[in-house]
Structures are given as structure tokens and as C-alpha cells.
Amino acid sequence: ENIEIINRKYHDLKHQIAVVRAERNSDKREQYL
């Protein structure tokens, strides 16, 4: 079950990258990273 959760989280990373690219606030960007 944990492995399935990890795989789902891995796909979420692609969406998180888009958020980081759009974020102008350096503190928030560092938190996302």
C-alpha cells in the first residue's frame, strides 16, 4: 500500500514543478522545493 502511495505522489511532482515555476515569491518557492 505504501508503494502505491509513493507512485501517486511521484505523478503529483509534475504538477508541483509547474507551481514552482509560476511562483514569484522566493520564500514560497524555496518551501515548495
PDB file of all heavy atoms in Angstrom:
ATOM      1  N   GLU A   1       0.829  -1.201   0.000  1.00  0.00           N
ATOM      2  CA  GLU A   1       0.000   0.000   0.000  1.00  0.00           C
ATOM      3  C   GLU A   1       0.864   1.252   0.000  1.00  0.00           C
ATOM      4  O   GLU A   1       0.555   2.236  -0.681  1.00  0.00           O
ATOM      5  CB  GLU A   1      -0.925  -0.008   1.221  1.00  0.00           C
ATOM      6  CG  GLU A   1      -1.951  -1.140   1.208  1.00  0.00           C
ATOM      7  CD  GLU A   1      -2.770  -1.190   2.491  1.00  0.00           C
ATOM      8  OE1 GLU A   1      -2.600  -0.283   3.327  1.00  0.00           O
ATOM      9  OE2 GLU A   1      -3.552  -2.130   2.648  1.00  0.00           O
ATOM     10  N   ASN A   2       1.969   1.226   0.756  1.00  0.00           N
ATOM     11  CA  ASN A   2       2.869   2.375   0.800  1.00  0.00           C
ATOM     12  C   ASN A   2       3.473   2.661  -0.566  1.00  0.00           C
ATOM     13  O   ASN A   2       3.643   3.823  -0.964  1.00  0.00           O
ATOM     14  CB  ASN A   2       3.984   2.137   1.817  1.00  0.00           C
ATOM     15  CG  ASN A   2       3.495   2.226   3.252  1.00  0.00           C
ATOM     16  OD1 ASN A   2       2.483   2.857   3.516  1.00  0.00           O
ATOM     17  ND2 ASN A   2       4.209   1.606   4.164  1.00  0.00           N
ATOM     18  N   ILE A   3       3.814   1.606  -1.305  1.00  0.00           N
ATOM     19  CA  ILE A   3       4.404   1.784  -2.627  1.00  0.00           C
ATOM     20  C   ILE A   3       3.402   2.434  -3.572  1.00  0.00           C
ATOM     21  O   ILE A   3       3.760   3.299  -4.387  1.00  0.00           O
ATOM     22  CB  ILE A   3       4.886   0.431  -3.183  1.00  0.00           C
ATOM     23  CG1 ILE A   3       6.120  -0.046  -2.406  1.00  0.00           C
ATOM     24  CG2 ILE A   3       5.230   0.542  -4.668  1.00  0.00           C
ATOM     25  CD1 ILE A   3       6.580  -1.433  -2.774  1.00  0.00           C
ATOM     26  N   GLU A   4       2.142   2.046  -3.486  1.00  0.00           N
ATOM     27  CA  GLU A   4       1.112   2.662  -4.322  1.00  0.00           C
ATOM     28  C   GLU A   4       0.981   4.149  -4.005  1.00  0.00           C
ATOM     29  O   GLU A   4       0.809   4.978  -4.909  1.00  0.00           O
ATOM     30  CB  GLU A   4      -0.225   1.948  -4.119  1.00  0.00           C
ATOM     31  CG  GLU A   4      -0.229   0.519  -4.658  1.00  0.00           C
ATOM     32  CD  GLU A   4      -1.522  -0.216  -4.319  1.00  0.00           C
ATOM     33  OE1 GLU A   4      -2.401   0.403  -3.697  1.00  0.00           O
ATOM     34  OE2 GLU A   4      -1.643  -1.393  -4.686  1.00  0.00           O
ATOM     35  N   ILE A   5       1.076   4.499  -2.723  1.00  0.00           N
ATOM     36  CA  ILE A   5       1.017   5.905  -2.321  1.00  0.00           C
ATOM     37  C   ILE A   5       2.204   6.671  -2.905  1.00  0.00           C
ATOM     38  O   ILE A   5       2.064   7.794  -3.403  1.00  0.00           O
ATOM     39  CB  ILE A   5       1.008   6.029  -0.789  1.00  0.00           C
ATOM     40  CG1 ILE A   5      -0.306   5.452  -0.225  1.00  0.00           C
ATOM     41  CG2 ILE A   5       1.170   7.486  -0.355  1.00  0.00           C
ATOM     42  CD1 ILE A   5      -0.330   5.360   1.288  1.00  0.00           C
ATOM     43  N   ILE A   6       3.380   6.068  -2.859  1.00  0.00           N
ATOM     44  CA  ILE A   6       4.585   6.708  -3.396  1.00  0.00           C
ATOM     45  C   ILE A   6       4.429   6.968  -4.889  1.00  0.00           C
ATOM     46  O   ILE A   6       4.776   8.040  -5.393  1.00  0.00           O
ATOM     47  CB  ILE A   6       5.826   5.824  -3.147  1.00  0.00           C
ATOM     48  CG1 ILE A   6       6.130   5.758  -1.652  1.00  0.00           C
ATOM     49  CG2 ILE A   6       7.045   6.385  -3.880  1.00  0.00           C
ATOM     50  CD1 ILE A   6       7.209   4.764  -1.305  1.00  0.00           C
ATOM     51  N   ASN A   7       3.910   5.984  -5.618  1.00  0.00           N
ATOM     52  CA  ASN A   7       3.737   6.143  -7.059  1.00  0.00           C
ATOM     53  C   ASN A   7       2.775   7.280  -7.384  1.00  0.00           C
ATOM     54  O   ASN A   7       2.999   8.040  -8.332  1.00  0.00           O
ATOM     55  CB  ASN A   7       3.241   4.835  -7.675  1.00  0.00           C
ATOM     56  CG  ASN A   7       4.329   3.781  -7.737  1.00  0.00           C
ATOM     57  OD1 ASN A   7       5.505   4.104  -7.838  1.00  0.00           O
ATOM     58  ND2 ASN A   7       3.945   2.516  -7.682  1.00  0.00           N
ATOM     59  N   ARG A   8       1.725   7.421  -6.601  1.00  0.00           N
ATOM     60  CA  ARG A   8       0.790   8.530  -6.821  1.00  0.00           C
ATOM     61  C   ARG A   8       1.471   9.859  -6.542  1.00  0.00           C
ATOM     62  O   ARG A   8       1.286  10.845  -7.260  1.00  0.00           O
ATOM     63  CB  ARG A   8      -0.443   8.365  -5.933  1.00  0.00           C
ATOM     64  CG  ARG A   8      -1.358   7.219  -6.352  1.00  0.00           C
ATOM     65  CD  ARG A   8      -2.748   7.382  -5.751  1.00  0.00           C
ATOM     66  NE  ARG A   8      -2.714   7.346  -4.294  1.00  0.00           N
ATOM     67  CZ  ARG A   8      -2.850   6.226  -3.580  1.00  0.00           C
ATOM     68  NH1 ARG A   8      -3.014   5.054  -4.205  1.00  0.00           N
ATOM     69  NH2 ARG A   8      -2.818   6.264  -2.269  1.00  0.00           N
ATOM     70  N   LYS A   9       2.287   9.880  -5.482  1.00  0.00           N
ATOM     71  CA  LYS A   9       2.995  11.102  -5.121  1.00  0.00           C
ATOM     72  C   LYS A   9       3.983  11.487  -6.208  1.00  0.00           C
ATOM     73  O   LYS A   9       4.185  12.678  -6.499  1.00  0.00           O
ATOM     74  CB  LYS A   9       3.730  10.899  -3.793  1.00  0.00           C
ATOM     75  CG  LYS A   9       4.162  12.188  -3.127  1.00  0.00           C
ATOM     76  CD  LYS A   9       2.971  13.005  -2.681  1.00  0.00           C
ATOM     77  CE  LYS A   9       3.394  14.265  -1.960  1.00  0.00           C
ATOM     78  NZ  LYS A   9       2.248  15.103  -1.563  1.00  0.00           N
ATOM     79  N   TYR A  10       4.583  10.518  -6.825  1.00  0.00           N
ATOM     80  CA  TYR A  10       5.548  10.775  -7.899  1.00  0.00           C
ATOM     81  C   TYR A  10       4.879  11.514  -9.056  1.00  0.00           C
ATOM     82  O   TYR A  10       5.435  12.463  -9.608  1.00  0.00           O
ATOM     83  CB  TYR A  10       6.139   9.446  -8.367  1.00  0.00           C
ATOM     84  CG  TYR A  10       7.023   9.548  -9.577  1.00  0.00           C
ATOM     85  CD1 TYR A  10       8.302  10.097  -9.489  1.00  0.00           C
ATOM     86  CD2 TYR A  10       6.586   9.088 -10.816  1.00  0.00           C
ATOM     87  CE1 TYR A  10       9.122  10.190 -10.602  1.00  0.00           C
ATOM     88  CE2 TYR A  10       7.395   9.178 -11.933  1.00  0.00           C
ATOM     89  CZ  TYR A  10       8.661   9.721 -11.817  1.00  0.00           C
ATOM     90  OH  TYR A  10       9.460   9.806 -12.918  1.00  0.00           O
ATOM     91  N   HIS A  11       3.675  11.111  -9.420  1.00  0.00           N
ATOM     92  CA  HIS A  11       2.962  11.785 -10.500  1.00  0.00           C
ATOM     93  C   HIS A  11       2.548  13.201 -10.094  1.00  0.00           C
ATOM     94  O   HIS A  11       2.480  14.101 -10.934  1.00  0.00           O
ATOM     95  CB  HIS A  11       1.732  10.964 -10.904  1.00  0.00           C
ATOM     96  CG  HIS A  11       2.084   9.675 -11.587  1.00  0.00           C
ATOM     97  ND1 HIS A  11       2.673   9.629 -12.834  1.00  0.00           N
ATOM     98  CD2 HIS A  11       1.944   8.379 -11.203  1.00  0.00           C
ATOM     99  CE1 HIS A  11       2.883   8.367 -13.197  1.00  0.00           C
ATOM    100  NE2 HIS A  11       2.450   7.596 -12.216  1.00  0.00           N
ATOM    101  N   ASP A  12       2.304  13.398  -8.797  1.00  0.00           N
ATOM    102  CA  ASP A  12       1.958  14.739  -8.319  1.00  0.00           C
ATOM    103  C   ASP A  12       3.120  15.721  -8.474  1.00  0.00           C
ATOM    104  O   ASP A  12       2.911  16.931  -8.564  1.00  0.00           O
ATOM    105  CB  ASP A  12       1.539  14.691  -6.844  1.00  0.00           C
ATOM    106  CG  ASP A  12       0.200  13.987  -6.651  1.00  0.00           C
ATOM    107  OD1 ASP A  12      -0.536  13.841  -7.650  1.00  0.00           O
ATOM    108  OD2 ASP A  12      -0.087  13.595  -5.506  1.00  0.00           O
ATOM    109  N   LEU A  13       4.346  15.189  -8.485  1.00  0.00           N
ATOM    110  CA  LEU A  13       5.511  16.062  -8.589  1.00  0.00           C
ATOM    111  C   LEU A  13       5.488  16.893  -9.867  1.00  0.00           C
ATOM    112  O   LEU A  13       5.955  18.041  -9.886  1.00  0.00           O
ATOM    113  CB  LEU A  13       6.798  15.222  -8.539  1.00  0.00           C
ATOM    114  CG  LEU A  13       7.213  14.674  -7.179  1.00  0.00           C
ATOM    115  CD1 LEU A  13       8.415  13.756  -7.337  1.00  0.00           C
ATOM    116  CD2 LEU A  13       7.529  15.797  -6.210  1.00  0.00           C
ATOM    117  N   LYS A  14       4.958  16.328 -10.938  1.00  0.00           N
ATOM    118  CA  LYS A  14       4.909  17.064 -12.200  1.00  0.00           C
ATOM    119  C   LYS A  14       4.067  18.325 -12.056  1.00  0.00           C
ATOM    120  O   LYS A  14       4.414  19.381 -12.601  1.00  0.00           O
ATOM    121  CB  LYS A  14       4.341  16.159 -13.293  1.00  0.00           C
ATOM    122  CG  LYS A  14       5.265  15.003 -13.670  1.00  0.00           C
ATOM    123  CD  LYS A  14       4.713  14.189 -14.820  1.00  0.00           C
ATOM    124  CE  LYS A  14       3.446  13.471 -14.443  1.00  0.00           C
ATOM    125  NZ  LYS A  14       2.945  12.591 -15.532  1.00  0.00           N
ATOM    126  N   HIS A  15       2.972  18.229 -11.321  1.00  0.00           N
ATOM    127  CA  HIS A  15       2.127  19.395 -11.103  1.00  0.00           C
ATOM    128  C   HIS A  15       2.798  20.391 -10.159  1.00  0.00           C
ATOM    129  O   HIS A  15       2.655  21.608 -10.310  1.00  0.00           O
ATOM    130  CB  HIS A  15       0.774  18.961 -10.537  1.00  0.00           C
ATOM    131  CG  HIS A  15       0.043  17.986 -11.416  1.00  0.00           C
ATOM    132  ND1 HIS A  15      -0.474  18.340 -12.635  1.00  0.00           N
ATOM    133  CD2 HIS A  15      -0.237  16.667 -11.246  1.00  0.00           C
ATOM    134  CE1 HIS A  15      -1.060  17.284 -13.193  1.00  0.00           C
ATOM    135  NE2 HIS A  15      -0.913  16.256 -12.370  1.00  0.00           N
ATOM    136  N   GLN A  16       3.549  19.877  -9.185  1.00  0.00           N
ATOM    137  CA  GLN A  16       4.248  20.760  -8.257  1.00  0.00           C
ATOM    138  C   GLN A  16       5.328  21.573  -8.971  1.00  0.00           C
ATOM    139  O   GLN A  16       5.570  22.741  -8.638  1.00  0.00           O
ATOM    140  CB  GLN A  16       4.863  19.950  -7.120  1.00  0.00           C
ATOM    141  CG  GLN A  16       3.837  19.300  -6.201  1.00  0.00           C
ATOM    142  CD  GLN A  16       4.480  18.435  -5.133  1.00  0.00           C
ATOM    143  OE1 GLN A  16       5.690  18.434  -4.975  1.00  0.00           O
ATOM    144  NE2 GLN A  16       3.663  17.697  -4.402  1.00  0.00           N
ATOM    145  N   ILE A  17       5.984  20.975  -9.953  1.00  0.00           N
ATOM    146  CA  ILE A  17       7.005  21.693 -10.716  1.00  0.00           C
ATOM    147  C   ILE A  17       6.396  22.902 -11.424  1.00  0.00           C
ATOM    148  O   ILE A  17       6.989  23.990 -11.457  1.00  0.00           O
ATOM    149  CB  ILE A  17       7.667  20.737 -11.738  1.00  0.00           C
ATOM    150  CG1 ILE A  17       8.526  19.694 -11.001  1.00  0.00           C
ATOM    151  CG2 ILE A  17       8.518  21.524 -12.732  1.00  0.00           C
ATOM    152  CD1 ILE A  17       9.066  18.603 -11.900  1.00  0.00           C
ATOM    153  N   ALA A  18       5.203  22.722 -11.977  1.00  0.00           N
ATOM    154  CA  ALA A  18       4.529  23.831 -12.655  1.00  0.00           C
ATOM    155  C   ALA A  18       4.230  24.964 -11.679  1.00  0.00           C
ATOM    156  O   ALA A  18       4.361  26.153 -12.016  1.00  0.00           O
ATOM    157  CB  ALA A  18       3.240  23.328 -13.305  1.00  0.00           C
ATOM    158  N   VAL A  19       3.848  24.609 -10.440  1.00  0.00           N
ATOM    159  CA  VAL A  19       3.551  25.618  -9.424  1.00  0.00           C
ATOM    160  C   VAL A  19       4.819  26.393  -9.060  1.00  0.00           C
ATOM    161  O   VAL A  19       4.801  27.623  -8.916  1.00  0.00           O
ATOM    162  CB  VAL A  19       2.942  24.958  -8.163  1.00  0.00           C
ATOM    163  CG1 VAL A  19       2.835  25.972  -7.029  1.00  0.00           C
ATOM    164  CG2 VAL A  19       1.584  24.371  -8.482  1.00  0.00           C
ATOM    165  N   VAL A  20       5.937  25.670  -8.905  1.00  0.00           N
ATOM    166  CA  VAL A  20       7.202  26.320  -8.556  1.00  0.00           C
ATOM    167  C   VAL A  20       7.626  27.304  -9.638  1.00  0.00           C
ATOM    168  O   VAL A  20       8.079  28.419  -9.359  1.00  0.00           O
ATOM    169  CB  VAL A  20       8.308  25.257  -8.332  1.00  0.00           C
ATOM    170  CG1 VAL A  20       9.665  25.925  -8.174  1.00  0.00           C
ATOM    171  CG2 VAL A  20       7.993  24.422  -7.105  1.00  0.00           C
ATOM    172  N   ARG A  21       7.493  26.908 -10.876  1.00  0.00           N
ATOM    173  CA  ARG A  21       7.880  27.785 -11.982  1.00  0.00           C
ATOM    174  C   ARG A  21       7.060  29.076 -12.006  1.00  0.00           C
ATOM    175  O   ARG A  21       7.561  30.137 -12.395  1.00  0.00           O
ATOM    176  CB  ARG A  21       7.698  27.036 -13.302  1.00  0.00           C
ATOM    177  CG  ARG A  21       8.801  26.015 -13.592  1.00  0.00           C
ATOM    178  CD  ARG A  21       8.531  25.244 -14.843  1.00  0.00           C
ATOM    179  NE  ARG A  21       9.654  24.359 -15.180  1.00  0.00           N
ATOM    180  CZ  ARG A  21       9.587  23.405 -16.104  1.00  0.00           C
ATOM    181  NH1 ARG A  21       8.460  23.206 -16.768  1.00  0.00           N
ATOM    182  NH2 ARG A  21      10.651  22.658 -16.347  1.00  0.00           N
ATOM    183  N   ALA A  22       5.812  28.986 -11.571  1.00  0.00           N
ATOM    184  CA  ALA A  22       4.932  30.154 -11.616  1.00  0.00           C
ATOM    185  C   ALA A  22       5.039  31.033 -10.370  1.00  0.00           C
ATOM    186  O   ALA A  22       4.565  32.177 -10.373  1.00  0.00           O
ATOM    187  CB  ALA A  22       3.483  29.694 -11.805  1.00  0.00           C
ATOM    188  N   GLU A  23       5.656  30.511  -9.307  1.00  0.00           N
ATOM    189  CA  GLU A  23       5.730  31.243  -8.047  1.00  0.00           C
ATOM    190  C   GLU A  23       6.821  32.318  -8.093  1.00  0.00           C
ATOM    191  O   GLU A  23       7.978  32.040  -8.370  1.00  0.00           O
ATOM    192  CB  GLU A  23       6.023  30.267  -6.891  1.00  0.00           C
ATOM    193  CG  GLU A  23       6.099  30.929  -5.529  1.00  0.00           C
ATOM    194  CD  GLU A  23       4.846  31.696  -5.175  1.00  0.00           C
ATOM    195  OE1 GLU A  23       3.768  31.063  -5.121  1.00  0.00           O
ATOM    196  OE2 GLU A  23       4.952  32.921  -4.971  1.00  0.00           O
ATOM    197  N   ARG A  24       6.447  33.576  -7.773  1.00  0.00           N
ATOM    198  CA  ARG A  24       7.387  34.692  -7.797  1.00  0.00           C
ATOM    199  C   ARG A  24       8.020  34.940  -6.424  1.00  0.00           C
ATOM    200  O   ARG A  24       9.113  35.492  -6.329  1.00  0.00           O
ATOM    201  CB  ARG A  24       6.674  35.955  -8.283  1.00  0.00           C
ATOM    202  CG  ARG A  24       6.200  35.866  -9.728  1.00  0.00           C
ATOM    203  CD  ARG A  24       5.503  37.134 -10.154  1.00  0.00           C
ATOM    204  NE  ARG A  24       5.058  37.055 -11.539  1.00  0.00           N
ATOM    205  CZ  ARG A  24       5.813  37.352 -12.586  1.00  0.00           C
ATOM    206  NH1 ARG A  24       7.068  37.756 -12.399  1.00  0.00           N
ATOM    207  NH2 ARG A  24       5.339  37.248 -13.814  1.00  0.00           N
ATOM    208  N   ASN A  25       7.332  34.528  -5.362  1.00  0.00           N
ATOM    209  CA  ASN A  25       7.849  34.733  -4.007  1.00  0.00           C
ATOM    210  C   ASN A  25       8.960  33.715  -3.731  1.00  0.00           C
ATOM    211  O   ASN A  25       8.736  32.510  -3.767  1.00  0.00           O
ATOM    212  CB  ASN A  25       6.715  34.582  -2.988  1.00  0.00           C
ATOM    213  CG  ASN A  25       7.156  34.911  -1.574  1.00  0.00           C
ATOM    214  OD1 ASN A  25       8.055  34.271  -1.040  1.00  0.00           O
ATOM    215  ND2 ASN A  25       6.514  35.904  -0.971  1.00  0.00           N
ATOM    216  N   SER A  26      10.171  34.226  -3.460  1.00  0.00           N
ATOM    217  CA  SER A  26      11.326  33.335  -3.289  1.00  0.00           C
ATOM    218  C   SER A  26      11.188  32.423  -2.079  1.00  0.00           C
ATOM    219  O   SER A  26      11.619  31.271  -2.104  1.00  0.00           O
ATOM    220  CB  SER A  26      12.616  34.154  -3.184  1.00  0.00           C
ATOM    221  OG  SER A  26      12.566  35.025  -2.071  1.00  0.00           O
ATOM    222  N   ASP A  27      10.589  32.915  -0.980  1.00  0.00           N
ATOM    223  CA  ASP A  27      10.415  32.095   0.221  1.00  0.00           C
ATOM    224  C   ASP A  27       9.469  30.930  -0.049  1.00  0.00           C
ATOM    225  O   ASP A  27       9.730  29.789   0.348  1.00  0.00           O
ATOM    226  CB  ASP A  27       9.887  32.947   1.375  1.00  0.00           C
ATOM    227  CG  ASP A  27      10.929  33.936   1.890  1.00  0.00           C
ATOM    228  OD1 ASP A  27      12.135  33.670   1.694  1.00  0.00           O
ATOM    229  OD2 ASP A  27      10.540  34.953   2.482  1.00  0.00           O
ATOM    230  N   LYS A  28       8.365  31.229  -0.705  1.00  0.00           N
ATOM    231  CA  LYS A  28       7.408  30.172  -1.035  1.00  0.00           C
ATOM    232  C   LYS A  28       8.021  29.181  -2.022  1.00  0.00           C
ATOM    233  O   LYS A  28       7.804  27.972  -1.926  1.00  0.00           O
ATOM    234  CB  LYS A  28       6.131  30.777  -1.616  1.00  0.00           C
ATOM    235  CG  LYS A  28       5.256  31.485  -0.604  1.00  0.00           C
ATOM    236  CD  LYS A  28       3.945  31.922  -1.234  1.00  0.00           C
ATOM    237  CE  LYS A  28       3.032  32.577  -0.179  1.00  0.00           C
ATOM    238  NZ  LYS A  28       1.742  33.008  -0.779  1.00  0.00           N
ATOM    239  N   ARG A  29       8.788  29.706  -2.976  1.00  0.00           N
ATOM    240  CA  ARG A  29       9.424  28.830  -3.955  1.00  0.00           C
ATOM    241  C   ARG A  29      10.395  27.880  -3.275  1.00  0.00           C
ATOM    242  O   ARG A  29      10.460  26.690  -3.602  1.00  0.00           O
ATOM    243  CB  ARG A  29      10.140  29.669  -5.010  1.00  0.00           C
ATOM    244  CG  ARG A  29      10.675  28.834  -6.177  1.00  0.00           C
ATOM    245  CD  ARG A  29      11.012  29.683  -7.382  1.00  0.00           C
ATOM    246  NE  ARG A  29      12.000  30.704  -7.048  1.00  0.00           N
ATOM    247  CZ  ARG A  29      11.762  32.000  -7.076  1.00  0.00           C
ATOM    248  NH1 ARG A  29      10.564  32.463  -7.409  1.00  0.00           N
ATOM    249  NH2 ARG A  29      12.719  32.870  -6.781  1.00  0.00           N
ATOM    250  N   GLU A  30      11.146  28.373  -2.290  1.00  0.00           N
ATOM    251  CA  GLU A  30      12.079  27.537  -1.546  1.00  0.00           C
ATOM    252  C   GLU A  30      11.334  26.476  -0.740  1.00  0.00           C
ATOM    253  O   GLU A  30      11.775  25.329  -0.636  1.00  0.00           O
ATOM    254  CB  GLU A  30      12.925  28.399  -0.609  1.00  0.00           C
ATOM    255  CG  GLU A  30      13.958  27.615   0.199  1.00  0.00           C
ATOM    256  CD  GLU A  30      14.987  26.928  -0.663  1.00  0.00           C
ATOM    257  OE1 GLU A  30      15.270  27.440  -1.766  1.00  0.00           O
ATOM    258  OE2 GLU A  30      15.501  25.869  -0.242  1.00  0.00           O
ATOM    259  N   GLN A  31      10.185  26.862  -0.175  1.00  0.00           N
ATOM    260  CA  GLN A  31       9.371  25.910   0.580  1.00  0.00           C
ATOM    261  C   GLN A  31       8.863  24.795  -0.322  1.00  0.00           C
ATOM    262  O   GLN A  31       8.912  23.616   0.036  1.00  0.00           O
ATOM    263  CB  GLN A  31       8.182  26.639   1.217  1.00  0.00           C
ATOM    264  CG  GLN A  31       7.258  25.715   2.007  1.00  0.00           C
ATOM    265  CD  GLN A  31       6.042  26.446   2.544  1.00  0.00           C
ATOM    266  OE1 GLN A  31       5.997  27.677   2.558  1.00  0.00           O
ATOM    267  NE2 GLN A  31       5.052  25.685   2.979  1.00  0.00           N
ATOM    268  N   TYR A  32       8.402  25.157  -1.519  1.00  0.00           N
ATOM    269  CA  TYR A  32       7.925  24.158  -2.477  1.00  0.00           C
ATOM    270  C   TYR A  32       9.052  23.201  -2.877  1.00  0.00           C
ATOM    271  O   TYR A  32       8.853  21.986  -2.969  1.00  0.00           O
ATOM    272  CB  TYR A  32       7.369  24.844  -3.727  1.00  0.00           C
ATOM    273  CG  TYR A  32       6.091  25.610  -3.512  1.00  0.00           C
ATOM    274  CD1 TYR A  32       5.810  26.767  -4.245  1.00  0.00           C
ATOM    275  CD2 TYR A  32       5.140  25.182  -2.584  1.00  0.00           C
ATOM    276  CE1 TYR A  32       4.630  27.478  -4.058  1.00  0.00           C
ATOM    277  CE2 TYR A  32       3.966  25.882  -2.384  1.00  0.00           C
ATOM    278  CZ  TYR A  32       3.716  27.034  -3.122  1.00  0.00           C
ATOM    279  OH  TYR A  32       2.552  27.730  -2.928  1.00  0.00           O
ATOM    280  N   LEU A  33      10.240  23.784  -3.098  1.00  0.00           N
ATOM    281  CA  LEU A  33      11.376  22.955  -3.499  1.00  0.00           C
ATOM    282  C   LEU A  33      11.768  21.975  -2.397  1.00  0.00           C
ATOM    283  O   LEU A  33      12.132  20.825  -2.669  1.00  0.00           O
ATOM    284  CB  LEU A  33      12.570  23.844  -3.861  1.00  0.00           C
ATOM    285  CG  LEU A  33      12.447  24.629  -5.176  1.00  0.00           C
ATOM    286  CD1 LEU A  33      13.599  25.617  -5.313  1.00  0.00           C
ATOM    287  CD2 LEU A  33      12.410  23.671  -6.363  1.00  0.00           C
TER     288      LEU A  33
END
